[in-house]
Amino acid sequence: MLFLVAALLLLGVLLGTVAHAPLAFTAVAATVIAAWLAVFAARERHARRH
């Protein structure tokens, strides 16, 4: 949970930067964050089943 809070805080800090970043960089960063959150969710779901 702490990692999720840290990721959201980092996203909030970088949000101002995203407006000035190239669209390709923004898309790659968004994909990386979404993949990380998907892996986190899958690991949490797997951990609760065992």
PDB file of N, CA and C in Angstrom:
ATOM      1  N   MET A   1       0.832  -1.194   0.000  1.00  0.00           N
ATOM      2  CA  MET A   1       0.000   0.000   0.000  1.00  0.00           C
ATOM      3  C   MET A   1       0.873   1.254   0.000  1.00  0.00           C
ATOM      4  N   LEU A   2       1.971   1.183   0.735  1.00  0.00           N
ATOM      5  CA  LEU A   2       2.873   2.325   0.787  1.00  0.00           C
ATOM      6  C   LEU A   2       3.451   2.635  -0.594  1.00  0.00           C
ATOM      7  N   PHE A   3       3.734   1.583  -1.356  1.00  0.00           N
ATOM      8  CA  PHE A   3       4.266   1.796  -2.699  1.00  0.00           C
ATOM      9  C   PHE A   3       3.232   2.485  -3.596  1.00  0.00           C
ATOM     10  N   LEU A   4       1.972   2.121  -3.422  1.00  0.00           N
ATOM     11  CA  LEU A   4       0.916   2.747  -4.209  1.00  0.00           C
ATOM     12  C   LEU A   4       0.803   4.234  -3.876  1.00  0.00           C
ATOM     13  N   VAL A   5       0.878   4.554  -2.598  1.00  0.00           N
ATOM     14  CA  VAL A   5       0.830   5.959  -2.178  1.00  0.00           C
ATOM     15  C   VAL A   5       2.026   6.718  -2.733  1.00  0.00           C
ATOM     16  N   ALA A   6       3.201   6.105  -2.680  1.00  0.00           N
ATOM     17  CA  ALA A   6       4.404   6.755  -3.211  1.00  0.00           C
ATOM     18  C   ALA A   6       4.281   6.976  -4.721  1.00  0.00           C
ATOM     19  N   ALA A   7       3.734   5.988  -5.428  1.00  0.00           N
ATOM     20  CA  ALA A   7       3.564   6.121  -6.875  1.00  0.00           C
ATOM     21  C   ALA A   7       2.591   7.256  -7.200  1.00  0.00           C
ATOM     22  N   LEU A   8       1.502   7.341  -6.455  1.00  0.00           N
ATOM     23  CA  LEU A   8       0.540   8.417  -6.703  1.00  0.00           C
ATOM     24  C   LEU A   8       1.123   9.787  -6.362  1.00  0.00           C
ATOM     25  N   LEU A   9       1.918   9.845  -5.294  1.00  0.00           N
ATOM     26  CA  LEU A   9       2.571  11.100  -4.944  1.00  0.00           C
ATOM     27  C   LEU A   9       3.553  11.521  -6.032  1.00  0.00           C
ATOM     28  N   LEU A  10       4.325  10.562  -6.521  1.00  0.00           N
ATOM     29  CA  LEU A  10       5.270  10.856  -7.599  1.00  0.00           C
ATOM     30  C   LEU A  10       4.531  11.313  -8.857  1.00  0.00           C
ATOM     31  N   LEU A  11       3.415  10.660  -9.149  1.00  0.00           N
ATOM     32  CA  LEU A  11       2.611  11.064 -10.302  1.00  0.00           C
ATOM     33  C   LEU A  11       2.110  12.492 -10.141  1.00  0.00           C
ATOM     34  N   GLY A  12       1.686  12.830  -8.936  1.00  0.00           N
ATOM     35  CA  GLY A  12       1.219  14.194  -8.686  1.00  0.00           C
ATOM     36  C   GLY A  12       2.316  15.222  -8.856  1.00  0.00           C
ATOM     37  N   VAL A  13       3.526  14.885  -8.423  1.00  0.00           N
ATOM     38  CA  VAL A  13       4.650  15.811  -8.571  1.00  0.00           C
ATOM     39  C   VAL A  13       5.014  15.980 -10.041  1.00  0.00           C
ATOM     40  N   LEU A  14       4.954  14.882 -10.787  1.00  0.00           N
ATOM     41  CA  LEU A  14       5.341  14.923 -12.200  1.00  0.00           C
ATOM     42  C   LEU A  14       4.232  15.415 -13.114  1.00  0.00           C
ATOM     43  N   LEU A  15       3.044  15.591 -12.574  1.00  0.00           N
ATOM     44  CA  LEU A  15       1.915  15.981 -13.408  1.00  0.00           C
ATOM     45  C   LEU A  15       2.163  17.304 -14.122  1.00  0.00           C
ATOM     46  N   GLY A  16       2.809  18.232 -13.449  1.00  0.00           N
ATOM     47  CA  GLY A  16       3.145  19.498 -14.100  1.00  0.00           C
ATOM     48  C   GLY A  16       4.150  19.306 -15.224  1.00  0.00           C
ATOM     49  N   THR A  17       5.036  18.340 -15.055  1.00  0.00           N
ATOM     50  CA  THR A  17       6.049  18.065 -16.072  1.00  0.00           C
ATOM     51  C   THR A  17       5.430  17.402 -17.300  1.00  0.00           C
ATOM     52  N   VAL A  18       4.398  16.595 -17.083  1.00  0.00           N
ATOM     53  CA  VAL A  18       3.780  15.873 -18.194  1.00  0.00           C
ATOM     54  C   VAL A  18       3.214  16.838 -19.233  1.00  0.00           C
ATOM     55  N   ALA A  19       2.745  17.969 -18.795  1.00  0.00           N
ATOM     56  CA  ALA A  19       2.190  18.945 -19.726  1.00  0.00           C
ATOM     57  C   ALA A  19       3.245  19.464 -20.694  1.00  0.00           C
ATOM     58  N   HIS A  20       4.510  19.431 -20.276  1.00  0.00           N
ATOM     59  CA  HIS A  20       5.592  19.940 -21.120  1.00  0.00           C
ATOM     60  C   HIS A  20       6.398  18.832 -21.786  1.00  0.00           C
ATOM     61  N   ALA A  21       6.078  17.577 -21.468  1.00  0.00           N
ATOM     62  CA  ALA A  21       6.810  16.444 -22.040  1.00  0.00           C
ATOM     63  C   ALA A  21       6.205  16.069 -23.393  1.00  0.00           C
ATOM     64  N   PRO A  22       7.015  15.464 -24.245  1.00  0.00           N
ATOM     65  CA  PRO A  22       6.481  14.990 -25.529  1.00  0.00           C
ATOM     66  C   PRO A  22       5.406  13.924 -25.321  1.00  0.00           C
ATOM     67  N   LEU A  23       4.499  13.831 -26.270  1.00  0.00           N
ATOM     68  CA  LEU A  23       3.395  12.887 -26.164  1.00  0.00           C
ATOM     69  C   LEU A  23       3.895  11.450 -26.084  1.00  0.00           C
ATOM     70  N   ALA A  24       4.946  11.114 -26.828  1.00  0.00           N
ATOM     71  CA  ALA A  24       5.479   9.747 -26.805  1.00  0.00           C
ATOM     72  C   ALA A  24       5.994   9.395 -25.411  1.00  0.00           C
ATOM     73  N   PHE A  25       6.688  10.306 -24.778  1.00  0.00           N
ATOM     74  CA  PHE A  25       7.199  10.059 -23.422  1.00  0.00           C
ATOM     75  C   PHE A  25       6.057   9.877 -22.439  1.00  0.00           C
ATOM     76  N   THR A  26       5.035  10.708 -22.563  1.00  0.00           N
ATOM     77  CA  THR A  26       3.873  10.613 -21.684  1.00  0.00           C
ATOM     78  C   THR A  26       3.181   9.261 -21.853  1.00  0.00           C
ATOM     79  N   ALA A  27       3.044   8.800 -23.091  1.00  0.00           N
ATOM     80  CA  ALA A  27       2.400   7.514 -23.357  1.00  0.00           C
ATOM     81  C   ALA A  27       3.215   6.359 -22.780  1.00  0.00           C
ATOM     82  N   VAL A  28       4.522   6.416 -22.928  1.00  0.00           N
ATOM     83  CA  VAL A  28       5.382   5.362 -22.379  1.00  0.00           C
ATOM     84  C   VAL A  28       5.308   5.359 -20.852  1.00  0.00           C
ATOM     85  N   ALA A  29       5.371   6.523 -20.248  1.00  0.00           N
ATOM     86  CA  ALA A  29       5.303   6.614 -18.790  1.00  0.00           C
ATOM     87  C   ALA A  29       3.951   6.099 -18.280  1.00  0.00           C
ATOM     88  N   ALA A  30       2.885   6.446 -18.951  1.00  0.00           N
ATOM     89  CA  ALA A  30       1.554   5.982 -18.547  1.00  0.00           C
ATOM     90  C   ALA A  30       1.443   4.467 -18.679  1.00  0.00           C
ATOM     91  N   THR A  31       2.039   3.906 -19.729  1.00  0.00           N
ATOM     92  CA  THR A  31       2.020   2.456 -19.919  1.00  0.00           C
ATOM     93  C   THR A  31       2.804   1.747 -18.827  1.00  0.00           C
ATOM     94  N   VAL A  32       3.962   2.290 -18.472  1.00  0.00           N
ATOM     95  CA  VAL A  32       4.782   1.694 -17.412  1.00  0.00           C
ATOM     96  C   VAL A  32       4.041   1.730 -16.079  1.00  0.00           C
ATOM     97  N   ILE A  33       3.423   2.855 -15.763  1.00  0.00           N
ATOM     98  CA  ILE A  33       2.681   2.971 -14.506  1.00  0.00           C
ATOM     99  C   ILE A  33       1.498   2.012 -14.496  1.00  0.00           C
ATOM    100  N   ALA A  34       0.779   1.921 -15.593  1.00  0.00           N
ATOM    101  CA  ALA A  34      -0.376   1.018 -15.662  1.00  0.00           C
ATOM    102  C   ALA A  34       0.065  -0.440 -15.519  1.00  0.00           C
ATOM    103  N   ALA A  35       1.177  -0.798 -16.145  1.00  0.00           N
ATOM    104  CA  ALA A  35       1.682  -2.171 -16.035  1.00  0.00           C
ATOM    105  C   ALA A  35       2.098  -2.468 -14.599  1.00  0.00           C
ATOM    106  N   TRP A  36       2.760  -1.517 -13.960  1.00  0.00           N
ATOM    107  CA  TRP A  36       3.193  -1.714 -12.569  1.00  0.00           C
ATOM    108  C   TRP A  36       1.977  -1.899 -11.661  1.00  0.00           C
ATOM    109  N   LEU A  37       0.956  -1.104 -11.853  1.00  0.00           N
ATOM    110  CA  LEU A  37      -0.253  -1.237 -11.039  1.00  0.00           C
ATOM    111  C   LEU A  37      -0.967  -2.563 -11.306  1.00  0.00           C
ATOM    112  N   ALA A  38      -0.954  -3.023 -12.550  1.00  0.00           N
ATOM    113  CA  ALA A  38      -1.575  -4.304 -12.873  1.00  0.00           C
ATOM    114  C   ALA A  38      -0.826  -5.453 -12.200  1.00  0.00           C
ATOM    115  N   VAL A  39       0.497  -5.408 -12.221  1.00  0.00           N
ATOM    116  CA  VAL A  39       1.301  -6.438 -11.550  1.00  0.00           C
ATOM    117  C   VAL A  39       1.051  -6.395 -10.051  1.00  0.00           C
ATOM    118  N   PHE A  40       0.994  -5.210  -9.487  1.00  0.00           N
ATOM    119  CA  PHE A  40       0.736  -5.066  -8.061  1.00  0.00           C
ATOM    120  C   PHE A  40      -0.628  -5.660  -7.695  1.00  0.00           C
ATOM    121  N   ALA A  41      -1.632  -5.353  -8.483  1.00  0.00           N
ATOM    122  CA  ALA A  41      -2.976  -5.861  -8.215  1.00  0.00           C
ATOM    123  C   ALA A  41      -3.011  -7.382  -8.328  1.00  0.00           C
ATOM    124  N   ALA A  42      -2.337  -7.931  -9.325  1.00  0.00           N
ATOM    125  CA  ALA A  42      -2.303  -9.380  -9.497  1.00  0.00           C
ATOM    126  C   ALA A  42      -1.595 -10.051  -8.321  1.00  0.00           C
ATOM    127  N   ARG A  43      -0.503  -9.477  -7.859  1.00  0.00           N
ATOM    128  CA  ARG A  43       0.217 -10.052  -6.721  1.00  0.00           C
ATOM    129  C   ARG A  43      -0.631  -9.979  -5.455  1.00  0.00           C
ATOM    130  N   GLU A  44      -1.330  -8.884  -5.248  1.00  0.00           N
ATOM    131  CA  GLU A  44      -2.181  -8.758  -4.070  1.00  0.00           C
ATOM    132  C   GLU A  44      -3.332  -9.767  -4.118  1.00  0.00           C
ATOM    133  N   ARG A  45      -3.919  -9.926  -5.272  1.00  0.00           N
ATOM    134  CA  ARG A  45      -5.022 -10.873  -5.412  1.00  0.00           C
ATOM    135  C   ARG A  45      -4.531 -12.295  -5.172  1.00  0.00           C
ATOM    136  N   HIS A  46      -3.351 -12.611  -5.698  1.00  0.00           N
ATOM    137  CA  HIS A  46      -2.775 -13.948  -5.505  1.00  0.00           C
ATOM    138  C   HIS A  46      -2.428 -14.183  -4.035  1.00  0.00           C
ATOM    139  N   ALA A  47      -1.916 -13.173  -3.356  1.00  0.00           N
ATOM    140  CA  ALA A  47      -1.530 -13.303  -1.949  1.00  0.00           C
ATOM    141  C   ALA A  47      -2.751 -13.523  -1.052  1.00  0.00           C
ATOM    142  N   ARG A  48      -3.870 -12.937  -1.388  1.00  0.00           N
ATOM    143  CA  ARG A  48      -5.076 -13.090  -0.562  1.00  0.00           C
ATOM    144  C   ARG A  48      -5.714 -14.460  -0.721  1.00  0.00           C
ATOM    145  N   ARG A  49      -5.456 -15.115  -1.833  1.00  0.00           N
ATOM    146  CA  ARG A  49      -6.020 -16.440  -2.041  1.00  0.00           C
ATOM    147  C   ARG A  49      -5.262 -17.506  -1.269  1.00  0.00           C
ATOM    148  N   HIS A  50      -4.010 -17.237  -0.920  1.00  0.00           N
ATOM    149  CA  HIS A  50      -3.181 -18.242  -0.225  1.00  0.00           C
ATOM    150  C   HIS A  50      -2.974 -17.885   1.201  1.00  0.00           C
TER     151      HIS A  50
END
